[in-house]
């Protein structure tokens, strides 16, 4: 597979972000037991899904408002 320069840079940036996230997770979970880690991850997942839902609701409201105008 051949990548152009932009695609290659996007791949490297994505790998760098994943590596940073793995390091952050490792640092944040040192000394915690597995159940506490899973509870924290579940809480973060719930917050992220709630934020996504709120954004979608705002977009839908703006779309309806735009259609009415």
PDB file of N, CA and C in Angstrom:
ATOM      1  N   UNK A   1       0.836  -1.162   0.000  1.00  0.00           N
ATOM      2  CA  UNK A   1       0.000   0.000   0.000  1.00  0.00           C
ATOM      3  C   UNK A   1       0.894   1.242   0.000  1.00  0.00           C
ATOM      4  N   UNK A   2       0.591   2.187  -0.851  1.00  0.00           N
ATOM      5  CA  UNK A   2       1.384   3.405  -0.961  1.00  0.00           C
ATOM      6  C   UNK A   2       0.591   4.566  -0.388  1.00  0.00           C
ATOM      7  N   UNK A   3       1.227   5.336   0.479  1.00  0.00           N
ATOM      8  CA  UNK A   3       0.598   6.487   1.110  1.00  0.00           C
ATOM      9  C   UNK A   3       1.270   7.756   0.611  1.00  0.00           C
ATOM     10  N   UNK A   4       0.467   8.804   0.449  1.00  0.00           N
ATOM     11  CA  UNK A   4       1.103  10.089   0.163  1.00  0.00           C
ATOM     12  C   UNK A   4       1.560  10.703   1.485  1.00  0.00           C
ATOM     13  N   UNK A   5       2.230  11.842   1.402  1.00  0.00           N
ATOM     14  CA  UNK A   5       2.832  12.446   2.592  1.00  0.00           C
ATOM     15  C   UNK A   5       1.779  12.792   3.640  1.00  0.00           C
ATOM     16  N   UNK A   6       0.629  13.335   3.218  1.00  0.00           N
ATOM     17  CA  UNK A   6      -0.424  13.717   4.167  1.00  0.00           C
ATOM     18  C   UNK A   6      -0.995  12.498   4.893  1.00  0.00           C
ATOM     19  N   UNK A   7      -1.248  11.425   4.141  1.00  0.00           N
ATOM     20  CA  UNK A   7      -1.769  10.208   4.771  1.00  0.00           C
ATOM     21  C   UNK A   7      -0.765   9.639   5.764  1.00  0.00           C
ATOM     22  N   UNK A   8       0.500   9.642   5.383  1.00  0.00           N
ATOM     23  CA  UNK A   8       1.543   9.119   6.262  1.00  0.00           C
ATOM     24  C   UNK A   8       1.614   9.930   7.549  1.00  0.00           C
ATOM     25  N   UNK A   9       1.518  11.261   7.450  1.00  0.00           N
ATOM     26  CA  UNK A   9       1.557  12.109   8.635  1.00  0.00           C
ATOM     27  C   UNK A   9       0.330  11.877   9.524  1.00  0.00           C
ATOM     28  N   UNK A  10      -0.836  11.658   8.906  1.00  0.00           N
ATOM     29  CA  UNK A  10      -2.047  11.369   9.684  1.00  0.00           C
ATOM     30  C   UNK A  10      -1.891  10.063  10.459  1.00  0.00           C
ATOM     31  N   UNK A  11      -1.311   9.068   9.811  1.00  0.00           N
ATOM     32  CA  UNK A  11      -1.091   7.776  10.465  1.00  0.00           C
ATOM     33  C   UNK A  11      -0.125   7.935  11.636  1.00  0.00           C
ATOM     34  N   UNK A  12       0.973   8.648  11.412  1.00  0.00           N
ATOM     35  CA  UNK A  12       1.947   8.858  12.485  1.00  0.00           C
ATOM     36  C   UNK A  12       1.322   9.639  13.639  1.00  0.00           C
ATOM     37  N   UNK A  13       0.541  10.663  13.335  1.00  0.00           N
ATOM     38  CA  UNK A  13      -0.117  11.441  14.392  1.00  0.00           C
ATOM     39  C   UNK A  13      -1.095  10.583  15.181  1.00  0.00           C
ATOM     40  N   UNK A  14      -1.855   9.733  14.483  1.00  0.00           N
ATOM     41  CA  UNK A  14      -2.805   8.861  15.163  1.00  0.00           C
ATOM     42  C   UNK A  14      -2.078   7.878  16.075  1.00  0.00           C
ATOM     43  N   UNK A  15      -0.967   7.319  15.590  1.00  0.00           N
ATOM     44  CA  UNK A  15      -0.192   6.394  16.416  1.00  0.00           C
ATOM     45  C   UNK A  15       0.387   7.115  17.627  1.00  0.00           C
ATOM     46  N   UNK A  16       0.823   8.348  17.438  1.00  0.00           N
ATOM     47  CA  UNK A  16       1.371   9.133  18.545  1.00  0.00           C
ATOM     48  C   UNK A  16       0.285   9.401  19.591  1.00  0.00           C
ATOM     49  N   UNK A  17      -0.920   9.749  19.133  1.00  0.00           N
ATOM     50  CA  UNK A  17      -2.023  10.002  20.060  1.00  0.00           C
ATOM     51  C   UNK A  17      -2.401   8.740  20.832  1.00  0.00           C
ATOM     52  N   UNK A  18      -2.403   7.594  20.150  1.00  0.00           N
ATOM     53  CA  UNK A  18      -2.722   6.343  20.828  1.00  0.00           C
ATOM     54  C   UNK A  18      -1.661   5.997  21.861  1.00  0.00           C
ATOM     55  N   UNK A  19      -0.401   6.222  21.531  1.00  0.00           N
ATOM     56  CA  UNK A  19       0.690   5.964  22.466  1.00  0.00           C
ATOM     57  C   UNK A  19       0.569   6.868  23.692  1.00  0.00           C
ATOM     58  N   UNK A  20       0.283   8.156  23.460  1.00  0.00           N
ATOM     59  CA  UNK A  20       0.108   9.094  24.573  1.00  0.00           C
ATOM     60  C   UNK A  20      -1.068   8.678  25.457  1.00  0.00           C
ATOM     61  N   UNK A  21      -2.160   8.247  24.833  1.00  0.00           N
ATOM     62  CA  UNK A  21      -3.324   7.821  25.602  1.00  0.00           C
ATOM     63  C   UNK A  21      -3.002   6.586  26.440  1.00  0.00           C
ATOM     64  N   UNK A  22      -2.246   5.661  25.866  1.00  0.00           N
ATOM     65  CA  UNK A  22      -1.862   4.461  26.607  1.00  0.00           C
ATOM     66  C   UNK A  22      -0.979   4.815  27.802  1.00  0.00           C
ATOM     67  N   UNK A  23      -0.053   5.753  27.604  1.00  0.00           N
ATOM     68  CA  UNK A  23       0.799   6.182  28.715  1.00  0.00           C
ATOM     69  C   UNK A  23      -0.022   6.884  29.800  1.00  0.00           C
ATOM     70  N   UNK A  24      -0.933   7.754  29.385  1.00  0.00           N
ATOM     71  CA  UNK A  24      -1.790   8.450  30.352  1.00  0.00           C
ATOM     72  C   UNK A  24      -2.626   7.457  31.151  1.00  0.00           C
ATOM     73  N   UNK A  25      -3.183   6.471  30.459  1.00  0.00           N
ATOM     74  CA  UNK A  25      -3.992   5.459  31.140  1.00  0.00           C
ATOM     75  C   UNK A  25      -3.136   4.655  32.110  1.00  0.00           C
ATOM     76  N   UNK A  26      -1.925   4.320  31.684  1.00  0.00           N
ATOM     77  CA  UNK A  26      -1.026   3.573  32.553  1.00  0.00           C
ATOM     78  C   UNK A  26      -0.682   4.357  33.814  1.00  0.00           C
ATOM     79  N   UNK A  27      -0.386   5.647  33.636  1.00  0.00           N
ATOM     80  CA  UNK A  27      -0.058   6.489  34.794  1.00  0.00           C
ATOM     81  C   UNK A  27      -1.263   6.668  35.716  1.00  0.00           C
ATOM     82  N   UNK A  28      -2.429   6.850  35.120  1.00  0.00           N
ATOM     83  CA  UNK A  28      -3.634   7.121  35.909  1.00  0.00           C
ATOM     84  C   UNK A  28      -4.098   5.902  36.691  1.00  0.00           C
ATOM     85  N   UNK A  29      -3.759   4.721  36.223  1.00  0.00           N
ATOM     86  CA  UNK A  29      -4.268   3.507  36.857  1.00  0.00           C
ATOM     87  C   UNK A  29      -3.248   2.805  37.739  1.00  0.00           C
ATOM     88  N   UNK A  30      -2.078   3.398  37.923  1.00  0.00           N
ATOM     89  CA  UNK A  30      -1.083   2.775  38.792  1.00  0.00           C
ATOM     90  C   UNK A  30      -1.637   2.707  40.213  1.00  0.00           C
ATOM     91  N   UNK A  31      -1.541   1.574  40.809  1.00  0.00           N
ATOM     92  CA  UNK A  31      -1.985   1.398  42.184  1.00  0.00           C
ATOM     93  C   UNK A  31      -3.476   1.144  42.330  1.00  0.00           C
ATOM     94  N   UNK A  32      -4.209   1.122  41.234  1.00  0.00           N
ATOM     95  CA  UNK A  32      -5.646   0.861  41.310  1.00  0.00           C
ATOM     96  C   UNK A  32      -5.902  -0.615  41.004  1.00  0.00           C
ATOM     97  N   UNK A  33      -6.949  -1.141  41.593  1.00  0.00           N
ATOM     98  CA  UNK A  33      -7.302  -2.514  41.252  1.00  0.00           C
ATOM     99  C   UNK A  33      -8.162  -2.522  39.985  1.00  0.00           C
ATOM    100  N   UNK A  34      -8.309  -3.680  39.400  1.00  0.00           N
ATOM    101  CA  UNK A  34      -8.991  -3.813  38.114  1.00  0.00           C
ATOM    102  C   UNK A  34     -10.438  -3.334  38.182  1.00  0.00           C
ATOM    103  N   UNK A  35     -11.145  -3.629  39.261  1.00  0.00           N
ATOM    104  CA  UNK A  35     -12.539  -3.195  39.372  1.00  0.00           C
ATOM    105  C   UNK A  35     -12.657  -1.668  39.371  1.00  0.00           C
ATOM    106  N   UNK A  36     -11.763  -0.995  40.048  1.00  0.00           N
ATOM    107  CA  UNK A  36     -11.783   0.472  40.075  1.00  0.00           C
ATOM    108  C   UNK A  36     -11.484   1.045  38.697  1.00  0.00           C
ATOM    109  N   UNK A  37     -10.551   0.434  37.995  1.00  0.00           N
ATOM    110  CA  UNK A  37     -10.220   0.893  36.640  1.00  0.00           C
ATOM    111  C   UNK A  37     -11.435   0.748  35.731  1.00  0.00           C
ATOM    112  N   UNK A  38     -12.092  -0.407  35.786  1.00  0.00           N
ATOM    113  CA  UNK A  38     -13.264  -0.656  34.941  1.00  0.00           C
ATOM    114  C   UNK A  38     -14.387   0.314  35.288  1.00  0.00           C
ATOM    115  N   UNK A  39     -14.593   0.578  36.584  1.00  0.00           N
ATOM    116  CA  UNK A  39     -15.619   1.542  36.986  1.00  0.00           C
ATOM    117  C   UNK A  39     -15.312   2.933  36.436  1.00  0.00           C
ATOM    118  N   UNK A  40     -14.059   3.353  36.508  1.00  0.00           N
ATOM    119  CA  UNK A  40     -13.668   4.657  35.985  1.00  0.00           C
ATOM    120  C   UNK A  40     -13.878   4.727  34.474  1.00  0.00           C
ATOM    121  N   UNK A  41     -13.496   3.672  33.764  1.00  0.00           N
ATOM    122  CA  UNK A  41     -13.675   3.654  32.311  1.00  0.00           C
ATOM    123  C   UNK A  41     -15.152   3.674  31.937  1.00  0.00           C
ATOM    124  N   UNK A  42     -15.977   2.953  32.696  1.00  0.00           N
ATOM    125  CA  UNK A  42     -17.422   2.980  32.446  1.00  0.00           C
ATOM    126  C   UNK A  42     -17.989   4.372  32.651  1.00  0.00           C
ATOM    127  N   UNK A  43     -17.512   5.062  33.681  1.00  0.00           N
ATOM    128  CA  UNK A  43     -17.984   6.419  33.956  1.00  0.00           C
ATOM    129  C   UNK A  43     -17.586   7.361  32.818  1.00  0.00           C
ATOM    130  N   UNK A  44     -16.372   7.232  32.331  1.00  0.00           N
ATOM    131  CA  UNK A  44     -15.909   8.077  31.229  1.00  0.00           C
ATOM    132  C   UNK A  44     -16.710   7.776  29.967  1.00  0.00           C
ATOM    133  N   UNK A  45     -16.963   6.501  29.726  1.00  0.00           N
ATOM    134  CA  UNK A  45     -17.749   6.118  28.543  1.00  0.00           C
ATOM    135  C   UNK A  45     -19.152   6.710  28.633  1.00  0.00           C
ATOM    136  N   UNK A  46     -19.776   6.639  29.791  1.00  0.00           N
ATOM    137  CA  UNK A  46     -21.114   7.199  29.979  1.00  0.00           C
ATOM    138  C   UNK A  46     -21.109   8.701  29.727  1.00  0.00           C
ATOM    139  N   UNK A  47     -20.101   9.399  30.256  1.00  0.00           N
ATOM    140  CA  UNK A  47     -20.011  10.848  30.060  1.00  0.00           C
ATOM    141  C   UNK A  47     -19.815  11.185  28.586  1.00  0.00           C
ATOM    142  N   UNK A  48     -18.991  10.412  27.902  1.00  0.00           N
ATOM    143  CA  UNK A  48     -18.749  10.659  26.478  1.00  0.00           C
ATOM    144  C   UNK A  48     -20.026  10.435  25.668  1.00  0.00           C
ATOM    145  N   UNK A  49     -20.738   9.366  25.963  1.00  0.00           N
ATOM    146  CA  UNK A  49     -21.986   9.101  25.245  1.00  0.00           C
ATOM    147  C   UNK A  49     -23.033  10.169  25.537  1.00  0.00           C
ATOM    148  N   UNK A  50     -23.084  10.638  26.768  1.00  0.00           N
ATOM    149  CA  UNK A  50     -24.014  11.708  27.123  1.00  0.00           C
ATOM    150  C   UNK A  50     -23.678  12.987  26.361  1.00  0.00           C
ATOM    151  N   UNK A  51     -22.396  13.284  26.240  1.00  0.00           N
ATOM    152  CA  UNK A  51     -21.968  14.480  25.507  1.00  0.00           C
ATOM    153  C   UNK A  51     -22.319  14.358  24.025  1.00  0.00           C
ATOM    154  N   UNK A  52     -22.108  13.190  23.461  1.00  0.00           N
ATOM    155  CA  UNK A  52     -22.442  12.966  22.051  1.00  0.00           C
ATOM    156  C   UNK A  52     -23.935  13.140  21.830  1.00  0.00           C
ATOM    157  N   UNK A  53     -24.738  12.594  22.723  1.00  0.00           N
ATOM    158  CA  UNK A  53     -26.188  12.731  22.610  1.00  0.00           C
ATOM    159  C   UNK A  53     -26.611  14.192  22.696  1.00  0.00           C
ATOM    160  N   UNK A  54     -26.002  14.941  23.610  1.00  0.00           N
ATOM    161  CA  UNK A  54     -26.338  16.359  23.748  1.00  0.00           C
ATOM    162  C   UNK A  54     -25.982  17.132  22.481  1.00  0.00           C
ATOM    163  N   UNK A  55     -24.838  16.829  21.887  1.00  0.00           N
ATOM    164  CA  UNK A  55     -24.433  17.493  20.653  1.00  0.00           C
ATOM    165  C   UNK A  55     -25.407  17.158  19.528  1.00  0.00           C
ATOM    166  N   UNK A  56     -25.814  15.902  19.440  1.00  0.00           N
ATOM    167  CA  UNK A  56     -26.760  15.498  18.398  1.00  0.00           C
ATOM    168  C   UNK A  56     -28.109  16.188  18.583  1.00  0.00           C
ATOM    169  N   UNK A  57     -28.531  16.359  19.832  1.00  0.00           N
ATOM    170  CA  UNK A  57     -29.786  17.053  20.088  1.00  0.00           C
ATOM    171  C   UNK A  57     -29.701  18.514  19.661  1.00  0.00           C
ATOM    172  N   UNK A  58     -28.574  19.144  19.938  1.00  0.00           N
ATOM    173  CA  UNK A  58     -28.395  20.543  19.529  1.00  0.00           C
ATOM    174  C   UNK A  58     -28.368  20.640  18.004  1.00  0.00           C
ATOM    175  N   UNK A  59     -27.657  19.727  17.352  1.00  0.00           N
ATOM    176  CA  UNK A  59     -27.607  19.737  15.890  1.00  0.00           C
ATOM    177  C   UNK A  59     -28.997  19.538  15.301  1.00  0.00           C
ATOM    178  N   UNK A  60     -29.764  18.622  15.886  1.00  0.00           N
ATOM    179  CA  UNK A  60     -31.119  18.379  15.394  1.00  0.00           C
ATOM    180  C   UNK A  60     -31.980  19.621  15.573  1.00  0.00           C
ATOM    181  N   UNK A  61     -31.876  20.262  16.723  1.00  0.00           N
ATOM    182  CA  UNK A  61     -32.652  21.476  16.973  1.00  0.00           C
ATOM    183  C   UNK A  61     -32.252  22.578  16.002  1.00  0.00           C
ATOM    184  N   UNK A  62     -30.974  22.728  15.754  1.00  0.00           N
ATOM    185  CA  UNK A  62     -30.511  23.738  14.803  1.00  0.00           C
ATOM    186  C   UNK A  62     -30.971  23.412  13.389  1.00  0.00           C
ATOM    187  N   UNK A  63     -30.973  22.138  13.049  1.00  0.00           N
ATOM    188  CA  UNK A  63     -31.451  21.730  11.716  1.00  0.00           C
ATOM    189  C   UNK A  63     -32.909  22.027  11.525  1.00  0.00           C
ATOM    190  N   UNK A  64     -33.726  21.768  12.554  1.00  0.00           N
ATOM    191  CA  UNK A  64     -35.153  22.056  12.487  1.00  0.00           C
ATOM    192  C   UNK A  64     -35.371  23.555  12.400  1.00  0.00           C
ATOM    193  N   UNK A  65     -34.619  24.292  13.201  1.00  0.00           N
ATOM    194  CA  UNK A  65     -34.742  25.754  13.201  1.00  0.00           C
ATOM    195  C   UNK A  65     -34.342  26.320  11.844  1.00  0.00           C
ATOM    196  N   UNK A  66     -33.286  25.763  11.242  1.00  0.00           N
ATOM    197  CA  UNK A  66     -32.842  26.226   9.921  1.00  0.00           C
ATOM    198  C   UNK A  66     -33.907  25.938   8.872  1.00  0.00           C
ATOM    199  N   UNK A  67     -34.537  24.759   8.965  1.00  0.00           N
ATOM    200  CA  UNK A  67     -35.585  24.390   8.007  1.00  0.00           C
ATOM    201  C   UNK A  67     -36.788  25.313   8.123  1.00  0.00           C
ATOM    202  N   UNK A  68     -37.110  25.735   9.348  1.00  0.00           N
ATOM    203  CA  UNK A  68     -38.249  26.619   9.554  1.00  0.00           C
ATOM    204  C   UNK A  68     -37.990  28.010   9.002  1.00  0.00           C
ATOM    205  N   UNK A  69     -36.727  28.430   9.033  1.00  0.00           N
ATOM    206  CA  UNK A  69     -36.382  29.770   8.524  1.00  0.00           C
ATOM    207  C   UNK A  69     -36.393  29.732   7.034  1.00  0.00           C
TER     208      UNK A  69
END
